Structure formats: C-alpha cells, structure tokens
Amino acid sequence: MKKYPDMYELFKDDTTAKKYFDKLPEYVQEQISTRANGVNSFASLKDYAENLLRGDD
C-alpha cells in the first residue's frame, strides 16, 4: 500500500479517497483536515472517519 506525505497528496493520486472524503459530514471533514499530515493512505482516512462517525451513536 502506498503511503502519502499527507491527505492532499493522497487526494491528488487517489480519486476514490477524495470522493469518499467529499461524502463525509462536514464536521468529520473538518476534524480530518486538522490532522491532514496523519492521513497517508485511503485506509488511514477510512479508519479515522469511522472512528469519528462512531461517536455519533
């Protein structure tokens, strides 16, 4: 699995990751954006989003 320096590089290369991010609720996008350097793969993006969404239950 390819690792990226940050989420913006991931989005440039992986349109699936960008589409996934764009469908997330705005507050989740904001939380992830504050830690963009920690998102270096689609898997890490999904893990982070799912953790944030789990707090909604």
N, C-alpha and C. Protein backbone atom coordinates (compact mmCIF):
# COMPACT_ATOMS: atom_id res chain seq x y z
N MET A 1 0.84 -1.19 0.00
CA MET A 1 0.00 0.00 0.00
C MET A 1 0.88 1.25 0.00
N LYS A 2 0.57 2.16 -0.87
CA LYS A 2 1.36 3.38 -1.00
C LYS A 2 1.03 4.34 0.14
N LYS A 3 2.07 4.96 0.68
CA LYS A 3 1.90 5.96 1.73
C LYS A 3 2.17 7.34 1.14
N TYR A 4 1.37 8.31 1.54
CA TYR A 4 1.50 9.68 1.06
C TYR A 4 1.95 10.58 2.21
N PRO A 5 2.57 11.71 1.87
CA PRO A 5 3.02 12.62 2.94
C PRO A 5 1.85 13.24 3.71
N ASP A 6 0.73 13.43 3.05
CA ASP A 6 -0.45 13.98 3.72
C ASP A 6 -1.70 13.69 2.88
N MET A 7 -2.82 14.08 3.40
CA MET A 7 -4.09 13.75 2.74
C MET A 7 -4.24 14.45 1.40
N TYR A 8 -3.63 15.61 1.23
CA TYR A 8 -3.77 16.34 -0.03
C TYR A 8 -3.04 15.63 -1.16
N GLU A 9 -1.89 15.06 -0.86
CA GLU A 9 -1.17 14.26 -1.86
C GLU A 9 -1.95 12.98 -2.17
N LEU A 10 -2.55 12.39 -1.15
CA LEU A 10 -3.39 11.21 -1.35
C LEU A 10 -4.53 11.54 -2.32
N PHE A 11 -5.19 12.67 -2.12
CA PHE A 11 -6.33 13.04 -2.97
C PHE A 11 -5.90 13.31 -4.41
N LYS A 12 -4.71 13.86 -4.60
CA LYS A 12 -4.22 14.11 -5.96
C LYS A 12 -4.08 12.81 -6.75
N ASP A 13 -3.70 11.76 -6.05
CA ASP A 13 -3.38 10.49 -6.69
C ASP A 13 -4.53 9.49 -6.66
N ASP A 14 -5.42 9.63 -5.69
CA ASP A 14 -6.46 8.63 -5.46
C ASP A 14 -7.84 9.30 -5.44
N THR A 15 -8.51 9.28 -6.58
CA THR A 15 -9.81 9.95 -6.68
C THR A 15 -10.86 9.26 -5.81
N THR A 16 -10.72 7.97 -5.58
CA THR A 16 -11.66 7.26 -4.72
C THR A 16 -11.61 7.81 -3.30
N ALA A 17 -10.42 8.07 -2.81
CA ALA A 17 -10.26 8.63 -1.48
C ALA A 17 -10.89 10.03 -1.40
N LYS A 18 -10.69 10.82 -2.43
CA LYS A 18 -11.26 12.18 -2.46
C LYS A 18 -12.78 12.12 -2.47
N LYS A 19 -13.35 11.22 -3.28
CA LYS A 19 -14.81 11.09 -3.34
C LYS A 19 -15.36 10.64 -1.99
N TYR A 20 -14.67 9.70 -1.34
CA TYR A 20 -15.08 9.23 -0.02
C TYR A 20 -15.09 10.40 0.97
N PHE A 21 -14.00 11.17 0.97
CA PHE A 21 -13.89 12.32 1.87
C PHE A 21 -15.02 13.32 1.62
N ASP A 22 -15.30 13.60 0.35
CA ASP A 22 -16.32 14.58 -0.01
C ASP A 22 -17.72 14.17 0.45
N LYS A 23 -17.96 12.89 0.64
CA LYS A 23 -19.27 12.40 1.08
C LYS A 23 -19.42 12.41 2.60
N LEU A 24 -18.33 12.62 3.31
CA LEU A 24 -18.39 12.62 4.77
C LEU A 24 -19.09 13.88 5.27
N PRO A 25 -19.71 13.81 6.45
CA PRO A 25 -20.31 15.02 7.03
C PRO A 25 -19.24 16.11 7.22
N GLU A 26 -19.69 17.34 7.14
CA GLU A 26 -18.75 18.46 7.20
C GLU A 26 -17.89 18.46 8.46
N TYR A 27 -18.50 18.15 9.62
CA TYR A 27 -17.71 18.17 10.85
C TYR A 27 -16.61 17.11 10.83
N VAL A 28 -16.86 15.98 10.17
CA VAL A 28 -15.85 14.93 10.05
C VAL A 28 -14.73 15.41 9.13
N GLN A 29 -15.09 16.05 8.02
CA GLN A 29 -14.09 16.60 7.10
C GLN A 29 -13.20 17.61 7.84
N GLU A 30 -13.82 18.45 8.66
CA GLU A 30 -13.04 19.46 9.40
C GLU A 30 -12.07 18.81 10.37
N GLN A 31 -12.55 17.80 11.09
CA GLN A 31 -11.68 17.11 12.05
C GLN A 31 -10.50 16.45 11.34
N ILE A 32 -10.78 15.80 10.24
CA ILE A 32 -9.71 15.13 9.49
C ILE A 32 -8.74 16.15 8.92
N SER A 33 -9.26 17.27 8.43
CA SER A 33 -8.40 18.30 7.84
C SER A 33 -7.43 18.89 8.85
N THR A 34 -7.82 18.94 10.13
CA THR A 34 -6.91 19.47 11.13
C THR A 34 -5.72 18.54 11.36
N ARG A 35 -5.85 17.29 10.92
CA ARG A 35 -4.77 16.32 11.08
C ARG A 35 -4.38 15.72 9.73
N ALA A 36 -4.35 16.56 8.72
CA ALA A 36 -4.08 16.12 7.35
C ALA A 36 -2.77 15.34 7.24
N ASN A 37 -1.76 15.72 8.03
CA ASN A 37 -0.47 15.04 7.96
C ASN A 37 -0.54 13.61 8.47
N GLY A 38 -1.56 13.29 9.25
CA GLY A 38 -1.71 11.94 9.77
C GLY A 38 -2.46 11.01 8.83
N VAL A 39 -2.99 11.56 7.74
CA VAL A 39 -3.74 10.76 6.78
C VAL A 39 -2.82 10.49 5.59
N ASN A 40 -2.27 9.27 5.54
CA ASN A 40 -1.28 8.99 4.49
C ASN A 40 -1.66 7.82 3.59
N SER A 41 -2.91 7.35 3.73
CA SER A 41 -3.42 6.29 2.85
C SER A 41 -4.94 6.30 2.92
N PHE A 42 -5.57 5.65 1.94
CA PHE A 42 -7.03 5.55 1.96
C PHE A 42 -7.48 4.80 3.21
N ALA A 43 -6.73 3.78 3.60
CA ALA A 43 -7.09 3.00 4.79
C ALA A 43 -7.06 3.88 6.04
N SER A 44 -6.05 4.73 6.18
CA SER A 44 -5.99 5.58 7.36
C SER A 44 -7.10 6.63 7.34
N LEU A 45 -7.46 7.11 6.14
CA LEU A 45 -8.58 8.04 6.01
C LEU A 45 -9.87 7.38 6.48
N LYS A 46 -10.13 6.15 6.01
CA LYS A 46 -11.36 5.45 6.39
C LYS A 46 -11.37 5.15 7.89
N ASP A 47 -10.25 4.71 8.43
CA ASP A 47 -10.18 4.41 9.87
C ASP A 47 -10.51 5.64 10.70
N TYR A 48 -9.91 6.74 10.33
CA TYR A 48 -10.11 7.99 11.07
C TYR A 48 -11.57 8.43 10.96
N ALA A 49 -12.13 8.40 9.76
CA ALA A 49 -13.53 8.80 9.55
C ALA A 49 -14.47 7.90 10.35
N GLU A 50 -14.23 6.60 10.30
CA GLU A 50 -15.10 5.67 11.01
C GLU A 50 -15.04 5.88 12.52
N ASN A 51 -13.86 6.18 13.03
CA ASN A 51 -13.74 6.48 14.47
C ASN A 51 -14.55 7.72 14.83
N LEU A 52 -14.49 8.76 13.99
CA LEU A 52 -15.24 9.98 14.27
C LEU A 52 -16.74 9.73 14.15
N LEU A 53 -17.15 8.95 13.14
CA LEU A 53 -18.57 8.67 12.95
C LEU A 53 -19.13 7.79 14.06
N ARG A 54 -18.31 6.92 14.61
CA ARG A 54 -18.75 6.02 15.66
C ARG A 54 -19.22 6.83 16.88
N GLY A 55 -18.66 8.01 17.07
CA GLY A 55 -19.06 8.87 18.17
C GLY A 55 -20.47 9.40 18.04
N ASP A 56 -21.10 9.21 16.90
CA ASP A 56 -22.46 9.70 16.65
C ASP A 56 -23.54 8.81 17.27
N ASP A 57 -23.19 7.58 17.57
CA ASP A 57 -24.20 6.62 18.04
C ASP A 57 -24.81 7.02 19.37
